[in-house]
Protein backbone atom coordinates (compact mmCIF):
# COMPACT_ATOMS: atom_id res chain seq x y z
CA MET A 1 -12.83 -65.11 11.19
CA SER A 2 -15.31 -66.57 8.74
CA LEU A 3 -19.19 -66.05 9.29
CA GLN A 4 -22.22 -68.23 8.63
CA PRO A 5 -23.20 -67.65 5.10
CA LEU A 6 -26.16 -65.34 4.66
CA ASN A 7 -29.50 -66.79 4.07
CA GLY A 8 -28.24 -70.74 4.71
CA GLU A 9 -25.80 -70.09 0.82
CA SER A 10 -22.15 -71.70 0.66
CA PRO A 11 -20.25 -68.87 0.65
CA SER A 12 -17.21 -68.28 -1.89
CA ALA A 13 -15.06 -66.62 0.56
CA PRO A 14 -15.04 -66.08 4.02
CA ILE A 15 -16.33 -62.73 4.72
CA THR A 16 -13.59 -60.24 6.22
CA TRP A 17 -14.21 -57.74 9.34
CA GLN A 18 -14.38 -54.80 6.63
CA GLN A 19 -17.48 -56.65 4.74
CA ARG A 20 -19.13 -57.27 8.24
CA LEU A 21 -18.71 -53.32 8.01
CA ASP A 22 -20.16 -52.20 5.04
CA LEU A 23 -23.08 -54.67 5.72
CA ALA A 24 -24.08 -53.23 9.15
CA HIS A 25 -27.51 -51.46 8.55
CA ASP A 26 -26.97 -49.21 12.05
CA GLU A 27 -24.89 -47.47 14.36
CA PHE A 28 -25.56 -49.87 16.55
CA GLU A 29 -24.43 -53.11 14.89
CA VAL A 30 -20.96 -51.03 13.70
CA LEU A 31 -20.70 -51.04 17.72
CA ALA A 32 -21.75 -54.44 18.07
CA ILE A 33 -18.61 -55.47 15.09
CA ALA A 34 -16.11 -53.14 16.53
CA ARG A 35 -16.60 -54.94 20.17
CA GLU A 36 -16.93 -58.12 18.81
CA PHE A 37 -13.76 -57.45 16.95
CA LEU A 38 -11.75 -56.30 20.26
CA ALA A 39 -13.40 -59.40 21.91
CA MET A 40 -11.07 -61.74 20.16
CA LEU A 41 -7.49 -59.58 20.56
CA THR A 42 -6.12 -61.75 23.21
CA PRO A 43 -4.93 -60.50 26.75
CA TYR A 44 -1.85 -60.58 26.00
CA GLU A 45 -1.94 -58.46 22.49
CA ILE A 46 -3.78 -55.70 24.74
CA ASP A 47 -1.57 -55.16 27.05
CA ARG A 48 1.37 -55.71 24.19
CA LEU A 49 -0.31 -52.65 23.07
CA PRO A 50 1.36 -48.82 23.67
CA GLN A 51 -0.95 -47.04 26.25
CA PRO A 52 -2.53 -44.62 23.54
CA CYS A 53 -3.70 -47.46 21.70
CA GLN A 54 -5.01 -49.44 24.59
CA PRO A 55 -8.78 -49.93 23.68
CA PRO A 56 -11.47 -48.27 25.75
CA LEU A 57 -12.59 -50.23 28.00
CA LYS A 58 -16.41 -49.76 26.32
CA LEU A 59 -17.09 -48.88 23.05
CA PHE A 60 -20.64 -46.59 23.35
CA ASP A 61 -20.78 -44.21 20.36
CA ARG A 62 -19.08 -43.01 16.82
CA GLU A 63 -17.21 -40.53 18.56
CA GLU A 64 -15.38 -43.44 20.73
CA ILE A 65 -15.00 -45.46 17.72
CA ALA A 66 -13.83 -41.93 15.61
CA ALA A 67 -11.62 -40.97 18.55
CA TYR A 68 -9.87 -44.43 19.05
CA ALA A 69 -9.09 -44.94 15.24
CA TYR A 70 -7.58 -41.39 15.75
CA ASP A 71 -5.31 -42.81 18.07
CA LEU A 72 -4.79 -45.36 16.27
CA VAL A 73 -3.93 -43.65 12.91
CA ARG A 74 -0.87 -40.58 14.35
CA HIS A 75 0.41 -43.06 16.94
CA ASN A 76 3.92 -43.70 15.25
CA CYS A 77 4.97 -46.86 16.65
CA ASP A 78 8.87 -47.61 17.64
CA ASP A 79 7.92 -50.91 19.41
CA SER A 80 8.57 -54.31 18.08
CA PRO A 81 7.56 -55.63 14.34
CA GLN A 82 4.42 -57.66 15.90
CA THR A 83 3.43 -54.62 17.85
CA ALA A 84 3.31 -52.34 15.42
CA GLU A 85 1.44 -54.76 13.38
CA LEU A 86 -0.98 -55.07 15.42
CA VAL A 87 -1.52 -51.57 15.97
CA HIS A 88 -1.81 -50.74 11.93
CA LYS A 89 -4.07 -53.91 12.05
CA LEU A 90 -6.50 -51.82 14.79
CA ALA A 91 -6.25 -48.68 12.65
CA HIS A 92 -6.94 -50.20 9.60
CA PHE A 93 -10.09 -51.82 11.05
CA PHE A 94 -11.24 -48.61 13.34
CA SER A 95 -10.80 -46.24 11.03
CA HIS A 96 -12.86 -48.25 8.61
CA ALA A 97 -15.42 -48.94 11.90
CA SER A 98 -15.63 -44.71 12.03
CA MET A 99 -16.12 -44.01 7.80
CA ARG A 100 -18.94 -46.62 7.93
CA MET A 101 -20.68 -44.35 10.97
CA ALA A 102 -20.47 -41.37 9.11
CA GLN A 103 -21.59 -42.77 5.59
CA LEU A 104 -24.81 -44.43 7.59
CA SER A 105 -25.33 -41.27 9.38
CA THR A 106 -25.29 -39.06 6.29
CA ARG A 107 -27.82 -41.84 5.59
CA VAL A 108 -30.32 -41.31 7.94
CA GLN A 109 -29.89 -37.74 8.40
CA LEU A 110 -30.54 -37.42 4.31
CA GLU A 111 -33.40 -39.28 4.96
CA HIS A 112 -35.31 -37.11 7.73
CA GLY A 113 -34.45 -34.32 5.87
CA GLN A 114 -36.71 -35.93 2.81
CA ARG A 115 -38.97 -36.75 5.36
CA TYR A 116 -39.85 -33.35 6.97
CA SER A 117 -38.66 -31.40 3.61
CA ALA A 118 -41.96 -33.21 1.52
């Protein structure tokens, strides 16, 4: 999936999901991107996923993203190569989303710490 260029500039390459996560300014934006990513899955793809890798019905916070990333990463996929590839794709995205959430959370904590210590 490609996105429209920022500020009307023509892009040199489409923006990837990982790049969208990297550009997110806060946790709410990461959650919105993760929800959009899941919405791109077809019902067939979701049905094909093993039970431990089924996405949550709704993502509410960073803990749910981290828990889902963990479930995907630790799953030993003995299913078809297509299912294993899908689980890997989801694990990659949600691991990155979880890391981005941690970065944003740390940044907010540091900013608040600097305000209160001044």
